[in-house]
Amino acid sequence: YEIIDSSLEDITYVLKPTFTAQHIAHLDKQAKLSRAY
C-alpha cells in the first residue's frame, strides 16, 4: 500500500530538487551555509 507522509518529502527533494526563478535570482546574493543530515 502507498504511504502518504509529509515527513518523507525531504527524501524526494534530495532525489529531485526544484528551484524557482526567485530562488535562482538570489543564489549569488546570499552565502548561507546549509546543514546536512
PDB file of all heavy atoms in Angstrom:
ATOM      1  N   TYR A   1       0.854  -1.190   0.000  1.00  0.00           N
ATOM      2  CA  TYR A   1       0.000   0.000   0.000  1.00  0.00           C
ATOM      3  C   TYR A   1       0.888   1.237   0.000  1.00  0.00           C
ATOM      4  O   TYR A   1       2.020   1.211   0.482  1.00  0.00           O
ATOM      5  CB  TYR A   1      -0.954   0.015   1.204  1.00  0.00           C
ATOM      6  CG  TYR A   1      -0.301   0.066   2.567  1.00  0.00           C
ATOM      7  CD1 TYR A   1       0.106   1.284   3.133  1.00  0.00           C
ATOM      8  CD2 TYR A   1      -0.090  -1.100   3.308  1.00  0.00           C
ATOM      9  CE1 TYR A   1       0.696   1.341   4.380  1.00  0.00           C
ATOM     10  CE2 TYR A   1       0.503  -1.059   4.555  1.00  0.00           C
ATOM     11  CZ  TYR A   1       0.892   0.165   5.090  1.00  0.00           C
ATOM     12  OH  TYR A   1       1.488   0.213   6.324  1.00  0.00           O
ATOM     13  N   GLU A   2       0.350   2.321  -0.572  1.00  0.00           N
ATOM     14  CA  GLU A   2       1.119   3.558  -0.660  1.00  0.00           C
ATOM     15  C   GLU A   2       1.155   4.266   0.689  1.00  0.00           C
ATOM     16  O   GLU A   2       0.165   4.306   1.417  1.00  0.00           O
ATOM     17  CB  GLU A   2       0.517   4.493  -1.720  1.00  0.00           C
ATOM     18  CG  GLU A   2       1.338   5.761  -1.926  1.00  0.00           C
ATOM     19  CD  GLU A   2       0.768   6.683  -2.994  1.00  0.00           C
ATOM     20  OE1 GLU A   2      -0.213   6.286  -3.671  1.00  0.00           O
ATOM     21  OE2 GLU A   2       1.293   7.804  -3.150  1.00  0.00           O
ATOM     22  N   ILE A   3       2.308   4.818   1.015  1.00  0.00           N
ATOM     23  CA  ILE A   3       2.488   5.565   2.258  1.00  0.00           C
ATOM     24  C   ILE A   3       2.397   7.059   1.948  1.00  0.00           C
ATOM     25  O   ILE A   3       3.160   7.581   1.125  1.00  0.00           O
ATOM     26  CB  ILE A   3       3.844   5.256   2.902  1.00  0.00           C
ATOM     27  CG1 ILE A   3       3.977   3.761   3.182  1.00  0.00           C
ATOM     28  CG2 ILE A   3       4.037   6.064   4.184  1.00  0.00           C
ATOM     29  CD1 ILE A   3       5.380   3.352   3.591  1.00  0.00           C
ATOM     30  N   ILE A   4       1.472   7.728   2.586  1.00  0.00           N
ATOM     31  CA  ILE A   4       1.332   9.182   2.437  1.00  0.00           C
ATOM     32  C   ILE A   4       1.787   9.824   3.730  1.00  0.00           C
ATOM     33  O   ILE A   4       1.111   9.738   4.758  1.00  0.00           O
ATOM     34  CB  ILE A   4      -0.129   9.589   2.129  1.00  0.00           C
ATOM     35  CG1 ILE A   4      -0.684   8.788   0.947  1.00  0.00           C
ATOM     36  CG2 ILE A   4      -0.212  11.085   1.882  1.00  0.00           C
ATOM     37  CD1 ILE A   4      -0.006   9.070  -0.363  1.00  0.00           C
ATOM     38  N   ASP A   5       2.950  10.457   3.713  1.00  0.00           N
ATOM     39  CA  ASP A   5       3.507  11.038   4.931  1.00  0.00           C
ATOM     40  C   ASP A   5       4.393  12.216   4.541  1.00  0.00           C
ATOM     41  O   ASP A   5       5.405  12.041   3.861  1.00  0.00           O
ATOM     42  CB  ASP A   5       4.315   9.979   5.685  1.00  0.00           C
ATOM     43  CG  ASP A   5       4.744  10.458   7.072  1.00  0.00           C
ATOM     44  OD1 ASP A   5       4.880  11.678   7.274  1.00  0.00           O
ATOM     45  OD2 ASP A   5       4.951   9.594   7.949  1.00  0.00           O
ATOM     46  N   SER A   6       4.029  13.415   4.968  1.00  0.00           N
ATOM     47  CA  SER A   6       4.758  14.624   4.574  1.00  0.00           C
ATOM     48  C   SER A   6       6.198  14.618   5.095  1.00  0.00           C
ATOM     49  O   SER A   6       7.058  15.313   4.549  1.00  0.00           O
ATOM     50  CB  SER A   6       4.034  15.872   5.077  1.00  0.00           C
ATOM     51  OG  SER A   6       3.914  15.847   6.495  1.00  0.00           O
ATOM     52  N   SER A   7       6.477  13.838   6.122  1.00  0.00           N
ATOM     53  CA  SER A   7       7.836  13.807   6.669  1.00  0.00           C
ATOM     54  C   SER A   7       8.825  13.157   5.705  1.00  0.00           C
ATOM     55  O   SER A   7      10.037  13.277   5.871  1.00  0.00           O
ATOM     56  CB  SER A   7       7.853  13.064   8.011  1.00  0.00           C
ATOM     57  OG  SER A   7       7.575  11.690   7.832  1.00  0.00           O
ATOM     58  N   LEU A   8       8.308  12.458   4.702  1.00  0.00           N
ATOM     59  CA  LEU A   8       9.171  11.799   3.719  1.00  0.00           C
ATOM     60  C   LEU A   8       9.553  12.734   2.564  1.00  0.00           C
ATOM     61  O   LEU A   8      10.320  12.353   1.693  1.00  0.00           O
ATOM     62  CB  LEU A   8       8.475  10.558   3.157  1.00  0.00           C
ATOM     63  CG  LEU A   8       8.186   9.434   4.167  1.00  0.00           C
ATOM     64  CD1 LEU A   8       7.330   8.358   3.528  1.00  0.00           C
ATOM     65  CD2 LEU A   8       9.488   8.845   4.695  1.00  0.00           C
ATOM     66  N   GLU A   9       9.022  13.946   2.567  1.00  0.00           N
ATOM     67  CA  GLU A   9       9.256  14.871   1.460  1.00  0.00           C
ATOM     68  C   GLU A   9      10.736  15.231   1.307  1.00  0.00           C
ATOM     69  O   GLU A   9      11.210  15.479   0.194  1.00  0.00           O
ATOM     70  CB  GLU A   9       8.431  16.150   1.657  1.00  0.00           C
ATOM     71  CG  GLU A   9       8.369  17.015   0.408  1.00  0.00           C
ATOM     72  CD  GLU A   9       8.742  18.462   0.702  1.00  0.00           C
ATOM     73  OE1 GLU A   9       8.810  18.860   1.872  1.00  0.00           O
ATOM     74  OE2 GLU A   9       8.970  19.195  -0.271  1.00  0.00           O
ATOM     75  N   ASP A  10      11.473  15.243   2.423  1.00  0.00           N
ATOM     76  CA  ASP A  10      12.902  15.558   2.341  1.00  0.00           C
ATOM     77  C   ASP A  10      13.637  14.565   1.441  1.00  0.00           C
ATOM     78  O   ASP A  10      14.579  14.928   0.736  1.00  0.00           O
ATOM     79  CB  ASP A  10      13.537  15.543   3.730  1.00  0.00           C
ATOM     80  CG  ASP A  10      13.204  16.788   4.536  1.00  0.00           C
ATOM     81  OD1 ASP A  10      12.899  17.820   3.909  1.00  0.00           O
ATOM     82  OD2 ASP A  10      13.253  16.734   5.771  1.00  0.00           O
ATOM     83  N   ILE A  11      13.203  13.306   1.467  1.00  0.00           N
ATOM     84  CA  ILE A  11      13.852  12.273   0.655  1.00  0.00           C
ATOM     85  C   ILE A  11      13.596  12.519  -0.823  1.00  0.00           C
ATOM     86  O   ILE A  11      14.506  12.456  -1.646  1.00  0.00           O
ATOM     87  CB  ILE A  11      13.357  10.874   1.070  1.00  0.00           C
ATOM     88  CG1 ILE A  11      13.764  10.575   2.511  1.00  0.00           C
ATOM     89  CG2 ILE A  11      13.924   9.798   0.132  1.00  0.00           C
ATOM     90  CD1 ILE A  11      13.193   9.289   3.055  1.00  0.00           C
ATOM     91  N   THR A  12      12.349  12.815  -1.181  1.00  0.00           N
ATOM     92  CA  THR A  12      12.030  13.059  -2.591  1.00  0.00           C
ATOM     93  C   THR A  12      12.705  14.337  -3.093  1.00  0.00           C
ATOM     94  O   THR A  12      13.107  14.416  -4.250  1.00  0.00           O
ATOM     95  CB  THR A  12      10.509  13.154  -2.809  1.00  0.00           C
ATOM     96  OG1 THR A  12       9.963  14.174  -1.965  1.00  0.00           O
ATOM     97  CG2 THR A  12       9.833  11.839  -2.466  1.00  0.00           C
ATOM     98  N   TYR A  13      12.869  15.320  -2.205  1.00  0.00           N
ATOM     99  CA  TYR A  13      13.513  16.561  -2.637  1.00  0.00           C
ATOM    100  C   TYR A  13      14.990  16.340  -2.931  1.00  0.00           C
ATOM    101  O   TYR A  13      15.549  16.925  -3.859  1.00  0.00           O
ATOM    102  CB  TYR A  13      13.345  17.662  -1.580  1.00  0.00           C
ATOM    103  CG  TYR A  13      13.772  19.023  -2.085  1.00  0.00           C
ATOM    104  CD1 TYR A  13      12.874  19.828  -2.797  1.00  0.00           C
ATOM    105  CD2 TYR A  13      15.069  19.493  -1.900  1.00  0.00           C
ATOM    106  CE1 TYR A  13      13.269  21.065  -3.294  1.00  0.00           C
ATOM    107  CE2 TYR A  13      15.470  20.722  -2.386  1.00  0.00           C
ATOM    108  CZ  TYR A  13      14.565  21.509  -3.085  1.00  0.00           C
ATOM    109  OH  TYR A  13      14.955  22.735  -3.588  1.00  0.00           O
ATOM    110  N   VAL A  14      15.651  15.484  -2.138  1.00  0.00           N
ATOM    111  CA  VAL A  14      17.057  15.182  -2.387  1.00  0.00           C
ATOM    112  C   VAL A  14      17.216  14.488  -3.746  1.00  0.00           C
ATOM    113  O   VAL A  14      18.159  14.745  -4.486  1.00  0.00           O
ATOM    114  CB  VAL A  14      17.638  14.299  -1.260  1.00  0.00           C
ATOM    115  CG1 VAL A  14      18.952  13.655  -1.689  1.00  0.00           C
ATOM    116  CG2 VAL A  14      17.864  15.136  -0.018  1.00  0.00           C
ATOM    117  N   LEU A  15      16.261  13.593  -4.083  1.00  0.00           N
ATOM    118  CA  LEU A  15      16.320  12.899  -5.360  1.00  0.00           C
ATOM    119  C   LEU A  15      16.017  13.822  -6.527  1.00  0.00           C
ATOM    120  O   LEU A  15      16.589  13.688  -7.605  1.00  0.00           O
ATOM    121  CB  LEU A  15      15.326  11.730  -5.366  1.00  0.00           C
ATOM    122  CG  LEU A  15      15.759  10.473  -4.618  1.00  0.00           C
ATOM    123  CD1 LEU A  15      14.620   9.476  -4.577  1.00  0.00           C
ATOM    124  CD2 LEU A  15      16.972   9.847  -5.281  1.00  0.00           C
ATOM    125  N   LYS A  16      15.114  14.779  -6.293  1.00  0.00           N
ATOM    126  CA  LYS A  16      14.725  15.671  -7.382  1.00  0.00           C
ATOM    127  C   LYS A  16      14.518  17.094  -6.854  1.00  0.00           C
ATOM    128  O   LYS A  16      13.393  17.545  -6.679  1.00  0.00           O
ATOM    129  CB  LYS A  16      13.443  15.158  -8.058  1.00  0.00           C
ATOM    130  CG  LYS A  16      13.156  15.846  -9.388  1.00  0.00           C
ATOM    131  CD  LYS A  16      11.999  15.190 -10.115  1.00  0.00           C
ATOM    132  CE  LYS A  16      11.773  15.857 -11.470  1.00  0.00           C
ATOM    133  NZ  LYS A  16      10.672  15.219 -12.227  1.00  0.00           N
ATOM    134  N   PRO A  17      15.618  17.810  -6.611  1.00  0.00           N
ATOM    135  CA  PRO A  17      15.492  19.197  -6.138  1.00  0.00           C
ATOM    136  C   PRO A  17      14.859  20.083  -7.206  1.00  0.00           C
ATOM    137  O   PRO A  17      15.055  19.860  -8.402  1.00  0.00           O
ATOM    138  CB  PRO A  17      16.953  19.614  -5.877  1.00  0.00           C
ATOM    139  CG  PRO A  17      17.733  18.344  -5.857  1.00  0.00           C
ATOM    140  CD  PRO A  17      17.014  17.395  -6.745  1.00  0.00           C
ATOM    141  N   THR A  18      14.110  21.067  -6.785  1.00  0.00           N
ATOM    142  CA  THR A  18      13.497  22.029  -7.708  1.00  0.00           C
ATOM    143  C   THR A  18      13.850  23.446  -7.267  1.00  0.00           C
ATOM    144  O   THR A  18      14.018  23.717  -6.078  1.00  0.00           O
ATOM    145  CB  THR A  18      11.968  21.872  -7.749  1.00  0.00           C
ATOM    146  OG1 THR A  18      11.446  21.986  -6.421  1.00  0.00           O
ATOM    147  CG2 THR A  18      11.580  20.516  -8.326  1.00  0.00           C
ATOM    148  N   PHE A  19      13.955  24.335  -8.241  1.00  0.00           N
ATOM    149  CA  PHE A  19      14.330  25.716  -7.974  1.00  0.00           C
ATOM    150  C   PHE A  19      13.351  26.659  -8.661  1.00  0.00           C
ATOM    151  O   PHE A  19      13.026  26.468  -9.838  1.00  0.00           O
ATOM    152  CB  PHE A  19      15.745  26.002  -8.485  1.00  0.00           C
ATOM    153  CG  PHE A  19      16.828  25.285  -7.734  1.00  0.00           C
ATOM    154  CD1 PHE A  19      17.107  23.948  -7.979  1.00  0.00           C
ATOM    155  CD2 PHE A  19      17.567  25.947  -6.770  1.00  0.00           C
ATOM    156  CE1 PHE A  19      18.101  23.290  -7.285  1.00  0.00           C
ATOM    157  CE2 PHE A  19      18.570  25.295  -6.067  1.00  0.00           C
ATOM    158  CZ  PHE A  19      18.833  23.960  -6.321  1.00  0.00           C
ATOM    159  N   THR A  20      12.891  27.663  -7.940  1.00  0.00           N
ATOM    160  CA  THR A  20      12.040  28.688  -8.535  1.00  0.00           C
ATOM    161  C   THR A  20      12.935  29.767  -9.147  1.00  0.00           C
ATOM    162  O   THR A  20      14.117  29.889  -8.801  1.00  0.00           O
ATOM    163  CB  THR A  20      11.128  29.335  -7.489  1.00  0.00           C
ATOM    164  OG1 THR A  20      11.942  30.016  -6.513  1.00  0.00           O
ATOM    165  CG2 THR A  20      10.273  28.273  -6.783  1.00  0.00           C
ATOM    166  N   ALA A  21      12.360  30.569 -10.041  1.00  0.00           N
ATOM    167  CA  ALA A  21      13.116  31.659 -10.660  1.00  0.00           C
ATOM    168  C   ALA A  21      13.604  32.641  -9.597  1.00  0.00           C
ATOM    169  O   ALA A  21      14.712  33.184  -9.688  1.00  0.00           O
ATOM    170  CB  ALA A  21      12.240  32.369 -11.687  1.00  0.00           C
ATOM    171  N   GLN A  22      12.791  32.855  -8.571  1.00  0.00           N
ATOM    172  CA  GLN A  22      13.172  33.780  -7.493  1.00  0.00           C
ATOM    173  C   GLN A  22      14.363  33.234  -6.705  1.00  0.00           C
ATOM    174  O   GLN A  22      15.296  33.978  -6.372  1.00  0.00           O
ATOM    175  CB  GLN A  22      11.988  34.003  -6.552  1.00  0.00           C
ATOM    176  CG  GLN A  22      12.273  35.013  -5.452  1.00  0.00           C
ATOM    177  CD  GLN A  22      11.066  35.242  -4.561  1.00  0.00           C
ATOM    178  OE1 GLN A  22      10.096  34.486  -4.607  1.00  0.00           O
ATOM    179  NE2 GLN A  22      11.122  36.289  -3.741  1.00  0.00           N
ATOM    180  N   HIS A  23      14.335  31.934  -6.429  1.00  0.00           N
ATOM    181  CA  HIS A  23      15.441  31.310  -5.710  1.00  0.00           C
ATOM    182  C   HIS A  23      16.738  31.423  -6.511  1.00  0.00           C
ATOM    183  O   HIS A  23      17.790  31.772  -5.970  1.00  0.00           O
ATOM    184  CB  HIS A  23      15.104  29.832  -5.455  1.00  0.00           C
ATOM    185  CG  HIS A  23      16.111  29.112  -4.608  1.00  0.00           C
ATOM    186  ND1 HIS A  23      16.011  27.777  -4.299  1.00  0.00           N
ATOM    187  CD2 HIS A  23      17.275  29.532  -4.022  1.00  0.00           C
ATOM    188  CE1 HIS A  23      17.043  27.420  -3.550  1.00  0.00           C
ATOM    189  NE2 HIS A  23      17.820  28.460  -3.376  1.00  0.00           N
ATOM    190  N   ILE A  24      16.652  31.141  -7.803  1.00  0.00           N
ATOM    191  CA  ILE A  24      17.828  31.198  -8.668  1.00  0.00           C
ATOM    192  C   ILE A  24      18.405  32.615  -8.721  1.00  0.00           C
ATOM    193  O   ILE A  24      19.620  32.812  -8.686  1.00  0.00           O
ATOM    194  CB  ILE A  24      17.475  30.705 -10.083  1.00  0.00           C
ATOM    195  CG1 ILE A  24      17.114  29.209 -10.043  1.00  0.00           C
ATOM    196  CG2 ILE A  24      18.632  30.938 -11.052  1.00  0.00           C
ATOM    197  CD1 ILE A  24      16.534  28.667 -11.337  1.00  0.00           C
ATOM    198  N   ALA A  25      17.515  33.607  -8.776  1.00  0.00           N
ATOM    199  CA  ALA A  25      17.952  35.000  -8.876  1.00  0.00           C
ATOM    200  C   ALA A  25      18.734  35.457  -7.645  1.00  0.00           C
ATOM    201  O   ALA A  25      19.545  36.391  -7.722  1.00  0.00           O
ATOM    202  CB  ALA A  25      16.739  35.909  -9.089  1.00  0.00           C
ATOM    203  N   HIS A  26      18.513  34.799  -6.505  1.00  0.00           N
ATOM    204  CA  HIS A  26      19.171  35.218  -5.266  1.00  0.00           C
ATOM    205  C   HIS A  26      20.352  34.337  -4.867  1.00  0.00           C
ATOM    206  O   HIS A  26      20.938  34.525  -3.801  1.00  0.00           O
ATOM    207  CB  HIS A  26      18.151  35.241  -4.119  1.00  0.00           C
ATOM    208  CG  HIS A  26      17.185  36.381  -4.202  1.00  0.00           C
ATOM    209  ND1 HIS A  26      16.042  36.326  -4.981  1.00  0.00           N
ATOM    210  CD2 HIS A  26      17.197  37.618  -3.615  1.00  0.00           C
ATOM    211  CE1 HIS A  26      15.384  37.473  -4.865  1.00  0.00           C
ATOM    212  NE2 HIS A  26      16.068  38.273  -4.048  1.00  0.00           N
ATOM    213  N   LEU A  27      20.728  33.387  -5.726  1.00  0.00           N
ATOM    214  CA  LEU A  27      21.805  32.468  -5.361  1.00  0.00           C
ATOM    215  C   LEU A  27      23.127  33.176  -5.076  1.00  0.00           C
ATOM    216  O   LEU A  27      23.863  32.795  -4.165  1.00  0.00           O
ATOM    217  CB  LEU A  27      22.013  31.431  -6.480  1.00  0.00           C
ATOM    218  CG  LEU A  27      20.980  30.312  -6.574  1.00  0.00           C
ATOM    219  CD1 LEU A  27      21.301  29.413  -7.765  1.00  0.00           C
ATOM    220  CD2 LEU A  27      20.931  29.493  -5.291  1.00  0.00           C
ATOM    221  N   ASP A  28      23.430  34.202  -5.849  1.00  0.00           N
ATOM    222  CA  ASP A  28      24.712  34.889  -5.686  1.00  0.00           C
ATOM    223  C   ASP A  28      24.640  36.078  -4.733  1.00  0.00           C
ATOM    224  O   ASP A  28      25.644  36.740  -4.486  1.00  0.00           O
ATOM    225  CB  ASP A  28      25.228  35.364  -7.049  1.00  0.00           C
ATOM    226  CG  ASP A  28      25.531  34.205  -7.981  1.00  0.00           C
ATOM    227  OD1 ASP A  28      26.011  33.170  -7.494  1.00  0.00           O
ATOM    228  OD2 ASP A  28      25.258  34.332  -9.193  1.00  0.00           O
ATOM    229  N   LYS A  29      23.448  36.314  -4.188  1.00  0.00           N
ATOM    230  CA  LYS A  29      23.277  37.468  -3.297  1.00  0.00           C
ATOM    231  C   LYS A  29      23.322  37.078  -1.825  1.00  0.00           C
ATOM    232  O   LYS A  29      23.335  37.935  -0.960  1.00  0.00           O
ATOM    233  CB  LYS A  29      21.947  38.168  -3.609  1.00  0.00           C
ATOM    234  CG  LYS A  29      21.886  38.735  -5.019  1.00  0.00           C
ATOM    235  CD  LYS A  29      20.537  39.352  -5.316  1.00  0.00           C
ATOM    236  CE  LYS A  29      20.471  39.864  -6.753  1.00  0.00           C
ATOM    237  NZ  LYS A  29      19.144  40.426  -7.089  1.00  0.00           N
ATOM    238  N   GLN A  30      23.309  35.785  -1.550  1.00  0.00           N
ATOM    239  CA  GLN A  30      23.381  35.337  -0.165  1.00  0.00           C
ATOM    240  C   GLN A  30      24.247  34.086  -0.077  1.00  0.00           C
ATOM    241  O   GLN A  30      24.113  33.157  -0.853  1.00  0.00           O
ATOM    242  CB  GLN A  30      21.975  35.045   0.382  1.00  0.00           C
ATOM    243  CG  GLN A  30      21.183  34.038  -0.433  1.00  0.00           C
ATOM    244  CD  GLN A  30      19.783  33.854   0.113  1.00  0.00           C
ATOM    245  OE1 GLN A  30      19.287  34.676   0.864  1.00  0.00           O
ATOM    246  NE2 GLN A  30      19.143  32.760  -0.273  1.00  0.00           N
ATOM    247  N   ALA A  31      25.155  34.107   0.857  1.00  0.00           N
ATOM    248  CA  ALA A  31      26.037  32.956   1.067  1.00  0.00           C
ATOM    249  C   ALA A  31      25.673  32.314   2.404  1.00  0.00           C
ATOM    250  O   ALA A  31      26.342  32.509   3.416  1.00  0.00           O
ATOM    251  CB  ALA A  31      27.487  33.401   1.055  1.00  0.00           C
ATOM    252  N   LYS A  32      24.576  31.577   2.384  1.00  0.00           N
ATOM    253  CA  LYS A  32      24.063  30.977   3.621  1.00  0.00           C
ATOM    254  C   LYS A  32      24.461  29.510   3.702  1.00  0.00           C
ATOM    255  O   LYS A  32      24.190  28.725   2.799  1.00  0.00           O
ATOM    256  CB  LYS A  32      22.537  31.105   3.657  1.00  0.00           C
ATOM    257  CG  LYS A  32      21.913  30.566   4.935  1.00  0.00           C
ATOM    258  CD  LYS A  32      20.399  30.728   4.894  1.00  0.00           C
ATOM    259  CE  LYS A  32      19.768  30.143   6.150  1.00  0.00           C
ATOM    260  NZ  LYS A  32      18.286  30.254   6.105  1.00  0.00           N
ATOM    261  N   LEU A  33      25.121  29.148   4.803  1.00  0.00           N
ATOM    262  CA  LEU A  33      25.510  27.760   4.998  1.00  0.00           C
ATOM    263  C   LEU A  33      24.287  26.897   5.267  1.00  0.00           C
ATOM    264  O   LEU A  33      23.350  27.311   5.947  1.00  0.00           O
ATOM    265  CB  LEU A  33      26.484  27.638   6.176  1.00  0.00           C
ATOM    266  CG  LEU A  33      27.915  28.135   5.943  1.00  0.00           C
ATOM    267  CD1 LEU A  33      28.689  28.127   7.253  1.00  0.00           C
ATOM    268  CD2 LEU A  33      28.624  27.273   4.913  1.00  0.00           C
ATOM    269  N   SER A  34      24.293  25.691   4.699  1.00  0.00           N
ATOM    270  CA  SER A  34      23.242  24.713   4.958  1.00  0.00           C
ATOM    271  C   SER A  34      23.813  23.609   5.833  1.00  0.00           C
ATOM    272  O   SER A  34      25.002  23.338   5.814  1.00  0.00           O
ATOM    273  CB  SER A  34      22.720  24.124   3.646  1.00  0.00           C
ATOM    274  OG  SER A  34      22.066  25.095   2.872  1.00  0.00           O
ATOM    275  N   ARG A  35      22.928  22.973   6.602  1.00  0.00           N
ATOM    276  CA  ARG A  35      23.353  21.865   7.449  1.00  0.00           C
ATOM    277  C   ARG A  35      22.817  20.559   6.883  1.00  0.00           C
ATOM    278  O   ARG A  35      21.617  20.397   6.695  1.00  0.00           O
ATOM    279  CB  ARG A  35      22.855  22.051   8.891  1.00  0.00           C
ATOM    280  CG  ARG A  35      23.365  20.949   9.847  1.00  0.00           C
ATOM    281  CD  ARG A  35      22.978  21.260  11.277  1.00  0.00           C
ATOM    282  NE  ARG A  35      23.628  22.455  11.763  1.00  0.00           N
ATOM    283  CZ  ARG A  35      24.864  22.500  12.250  1.00  0.00           C
ATOM    284  NH1 ARG A  35      25.595  21.382  12.298  1.00  0.00           N
ATOM    285  NH2 ARG A  35      25.383  23.623  12.683  1.00  0.00           N
ATOM    286  N   ALA A  36      23.730  19.640   6.574  1.00  0.00           N
ATOM    287  CA  ALA A  36      23.335  18.340   6.051  1.00  0.00           C
ATOM    288  C   ALA A  36      22.800  17.466   7.185  1.00  0.00           C
ATOM    289  O   ALA A  36      22.985  17.755   8.367  1.00  0.00           O
ATOM    290  CB  ALA A  36      24.533  17.663   5.380  1.00  0.00           C
ATOM    291  N   TYR A  37      22.146  16.376   6.818  1.00  0.00           N
ATOM    292  CA  TYR A  37      21.557  15.489   7.813  1.00  0.00           C
ATOM    293  C   TYR A  37      22.602  14.769   8.651  1.00  0.00           C
ATOM    294  O   TYR A  37      22.300  14.279   9.731  1.00  0.00           O
ATOM    295  CB  TYR A  37      20.624  14.485   7.135  1.00  0.00           C
ATOM    296  CG  TYR A  37      19.229  15.035   6.926  1.00  0.00           C
ATOM    297  CD1 TYR A  37      19.001  16.056   6.013  1.00  0.00           C
ATOM    298  CD2 TYR A  37      18.158  14.569   7.655  1.00  0.00           C
ATOM    299  CE1 TYR A  37      17.747  16.586   5.826  1.00  0.00           C
ATOM    300  CE2 TYR A  37      16.882  15.086   7.480  1.00  0.00           C
ATOM    301  CZ  TYR A  37      16.675  16.096   6.564  1.00  0.00           C
ATOM    302  OH  TYR A  37      15.425  16.624   6.395  1.00  0.00           O
TER     303      TYR A  37
END
